[in-house]
Protein backbone atom coordinates (compact mmCIF):
# COMPACT_ATOMS: atom_id res chain seq x y z
CA UNK A 1 -13.62 3.52 8.36
CA UNK A 2 -17.15 3.44 9.68
CA UNK A 3 -17.43 -0.31 9.03
CA UNK A 4 -14.51 -1.36 11.25
CA UNK A 5 -13.66 -1.21 14.94
CA UNK A 6 -9.96 -0.89 14.18
CA UNK A 7 -8.03 -0.24 11.00
CA UNK A 8 -4.38 -0.91 10.24
CA UNK A 9 -2.92 1.66 7.84
CA UNK A 10 0.01 -0.14 6.26
CA UNK A 11 2.59 0.41 3.53
CA UNK A 12 4.44 -2.74 2.51
CA UNK A 13 7.89 -2.24 1.00
CA UNK A 14 8.55 -5.45 -0.91
CA UNK A 15 12.14 -6.68 -1.36
CA UNK A 16 11.07 -7.82 -4.86
CA UNK A 17 10.13 -4.20 -5.64
CA UNK A 18 13.37 -2.84 -4.21
CA UNK A 19 15.42 -5.31 -6.28
CA UNK A 20 13.39 -5.02 -9.49
CA UNK A 21 15.27 -3.59 -12.47
CA UNK A 22 12.56 -0.98 -13.04
CA UNK A 23 12.91 0.41 -9.50
CA UNK A 24 15.09 3.47 -9.13
CA UNK A 25 16.27 5.54 -6.21
CA UNK A 26 13.74 8.15 -7.33
CA UNK A 27 10.85 5.68 -6.88
CA UNK A 28 11.97 4.67 -3.41
CA UNK A 29 12.63 8.23 -2.25
CA UNK A 30 9.26 9.37 -3.62
CA UNK A 31 7.40 6.57 -1.85
CA UNK A 32 9.22 7.09 1.46
CA UNK A 33 8.80 10.86 1.28
CA UNK A 34 5.09 10.56 0.50
CA UNK A 35 4.63 8.01 3.28
CA UNK A 36 6.44 10.24 5.78
CA UNK A 37 4.08 13.07 4.87
CA UNK A 38 1.10 10.69 5.05
CA UNK A 39 2.18 9.49 8.53
CA UNK A 40 2.16 13.10 9.73
CA UNK A 41 -1.34 13.69 8.35
CA UNK A 42 -2.65 10.50 9.92
CA UNK A 43 -0.97 11.40 13.25
CA UNK A 44 -2.58 14.86 13.14
CA UNK A 45 -5.94 13.05 13.07
CA UNK A 46 -5.03 10.83 16.07
CA UNK A 47 -3.98 7.79 14.05
CA UNK A 48 -0.91 5.76 13.16
CA UNK A 49 0.38 4.51 9.81
CA UNK A 50 2.84 1.61 9.73
CA UNK A 51 5.44 0.43 7.27
CA UNK A 52 6.53 -3.18 6.83
CA UNK A 53 9.44 -4.66 4.91
CA UNK A 54 8.63 -7.97 3.22
CA UNK A 55 6.46 -9.56 0.58
CA UNK A 56 2.71 -9.03 0.77
CA UNK A 57 1.41 -12.51 1.48
CA UNK A 58 3.84 -13.51 4.28
CA UNK A 59 3.25 -10.17 6.02
CA UNK A 60 -0.52 -10.46 5.69
CA UNK A 61 -0.42 -14.07 6.91
CA UNK A 62 1.40 -12.99 10.09
CA UNK A 63 -0.92 -10.06 10.70
CA UNK A 64 -3.99 -12.27 10.08
CA UNK A 65 -2.67 -14.86 12.56
CA UNK A 66 -2.12 -12.22 15.26
CA UNK A 67 -5.06 -9.94 14.41
CA UNK A 68 -7.74 -11.71 12.34
CA UNK A 69 -9.22 -9.43 9.69
CA UNK A 70 -11.95 -9.73 7.10
CA UNK A 71 -11.24 -6.99 4.56
CA UNK A 72 -8.32 -5.33 2.79
CA UNK A 73 -8.86 -1.90 1.29
CA UNK A 74 -6.26 -0.89 -1.23
CA UNK A 75 -5.60 1.57 -4.00
CA UNK A 76 -5.51 -0.03 -7.43
CA UNK A 77 -1.89 0.08 -8.43
CA UNK A 78 -1.02 0.76 -12.02
CA UNK A 79 2.23 -1.06 -12.57
CA UNK A 80 3.83 -3.67 -14.75
CA UNK A 81 3.54 -7.42 -15.21
CA UNK A 82 5.38 -8.05 -11.90
CA UNK A 83 2.92 -6.00 -9.87
CA UNK A 84 -0.08 -7.31 -11.83
CA UNK A 85 1.03 -10.90 -11.14
CA UNK A 86 1.54 -10.05 -7.47
CA UNK A 87 -1.93 -8.51 -7.31
CA UNK A 88 -3.50 -11.65 -8.83
CA UNK A 89 -1.68 -13.80 -6.23
CA UNK A 90 -2.89 -11.48 -3.48
CA UNK A 91 -6.48 -11.66 -4.75
CA UNK A 92 -6.28 -15.48 -4.83
CA UNK A 93 -4.84 -15.50 -1.30
CA UNK A 94 -7.69 -13.29 -0.12
CA UNK A 95 -10.25 -15.63 -1.68
CA UNK A 96 -8.65 -18.69 -0.08
CA UNK A 97 -8.54 -16.95 3.31
CA UNK A 98 -12.07 -15.57 3.12
CA UNK A 99 -10.79 -11.99 3.07
CA UNK A 100 -12.68 -9.42 1.02
CA UNK A 101 -10.32 -7.42 -1.21
CA UNK A 102 -11.55 -3.97 -2.23
CA UNK A 103 -9.46 -1.83 -4.57
CA UNK A 104 -10.09 1.82 -5.25
CA UNK A 105 -8.73 3.23 -8.49
CA UNK A 106 -6.38 6.15 -8.07
CA UNK A 107 -6.01 6.88 -11.78
CA UNK A 108 -8.29 6.65 -14.77
CA UNK A 109 -6.87 3.26 -15.76
CA UNK A 110 -9.39 0.46 -16.07
CA UNK A 111 -8.32 -3.17 -15.83
CA UNK A 112 -9.92 -5.97 -17.77
CA UNK A 113 -12.02 -4.00 -20.25
CA UNK A 114 -13.51 -6.31 -22.86
CA UNK A 115 -14.77 -3.35 -24.89
CA UNK A 116 -12.50 -0.30 -25.07
CA UNK A 117 -15.48 1.68 -26.32
CA UNK A 118 -16.55 1.97 -22.66
CA UNK A 119 -13.32 3.68 -21.66
CA UNK A 120 -14.35 7.30 -22.43
CA UNK A 121 -17.46 7.05 -20.28
CA UNK A 122 -15.53 5.34 -17.46
CA UNK A 123 -12.82 8.00 -17.69
CA UNK A 124 -15.38 10.84 -17.51
CA UNK A 125 -17.23 9.21 -14.61
CA UNK A 126 -13.97 8.72 -12.72
CA UNK A 127 -12.45 12.12 -13.51
CA UNK A 128 -15.51 14.16 -12.64
CA UNK A 129 -16.80 12.10 -9.71
CA UNK A 130 -17.29 13.87 -6.41
CA UNK A 131 -14.51 13.14 -3.95
CA UNK A 132 -15.57 11.38 -0.76
CA UNK A 133 -15.13 13.47 2.37
CA UNK A 134 -11.81 13.16 4.18
CA UNK A 135 -12.05 11.58 7.63
CA UNK A 136 -11.84 13.99 10.55
CA UNK A 137 -10.68 11.47 13.15
CA UNK A 138 -8.40 8.49 12.67
CA UNK A 139 -8.10 7.37 16.27
CA UNK A 140 -9.14 3.82 15.37
CA UNK A 141 -6.46 3.49 12.67
CA UNK A 142 -4.20 1.43 14.85
CA UNK A 143 -4.35 -1.82 16.71
CA UNK A 144 -4.01 -1.10 20.43
CA UNK A 145 -1.60 -3.93 21.17
CA UNK A 146 0.24 -4.00 17.84
CA UNK A 147 3.62 -3.09 19.30
CA UNK A 148 3.18 -5.67 22.09
CA UNK A 149 3.02 -8.36 19.39
CA UNK A 150 6.45 -7.45 17.99
CA UNK A 151 5.29 -5.04 15.31
CA UNK A 152 7.03 -1.72 15.09
CA UNK A 153 6.22 1.67 13.70
CA UNK A 154 9.60 2.61 12.25
CA UNK A 155 10.40 6.08 11.07
CA UNK A 156 11.84 6.58 7.60
CA UNK A 157 15.16 7.73 9.07
CA UNK A 158 15.37 4.52 11.11
CA UNK A 159 14.79 2.44 7.97
CA UNK A 160 17.62 4.27 6.20
CA UNK A 161 19.91 3.59 9.19
CA UNK A 162 18.95 -0.09 9.28
CA UNK A 163 19.40 -0.49 5.51
CA UNK A 164 22.23 1.94 4.67
CA UNK A 165 22.79 0.44 1.21
CA UNK A 166 19.10 0.34 0.33
CA UNK A 167 19.05 3.48 -1.76
CA UNK A 168 22.39 2.69 -3.40
CA UNK A 169 21.26 -0.68 -4.72
CA UNK A 170 17.79 0.16 -6.01
CA UNK A 171 18.95 2.47 -8.77
CA UNK A 172 20.69 -0.26 -10.75
CA UNK A 173 19.44 -0.31 -14.30
CA UNK A 174 18.74 3.42 -14.43
CA UNK A 175 21.02 5.94 -16.05
CA UNK A 176 20.86 9.63 -15.38
CA UNK A 177 21.02 11.49 -18.69
């Protein structure tokens, strides 16, 4: 946060994720519930967290056009081939746009290891590393004129009203035992 004048905290809900056969109602509810809790924590520190519905690259292209940015900070998602392919496309887009892409691991999963013998040391370093301090003020985690440019900060309940069938359709392919 110290490196930027303004920061956009953003969750992107991809239609491809919502329609994917591996996505269940439990995934969507967990993400939306966690994000709702996260929004409250960010708000308590004078900030805003936004949610967008769409695929990563088109959303980032629009944001970059309206609010040029130089860096994306992200957690390193541990997913499947679909998300890994999406991440590679996003990394290539960032390179072509001159945007630095920085991922922070959230789990002790290490991509691209050539020698699995390194994994135990990497795991120990990750697991026992000191946590960075939590920010105490997030007042710059918004773009002052974001809503004037047609962006919205929808609430989870508003999303459910706008997409009433969303949670019905995402559980296809899952069976409750």
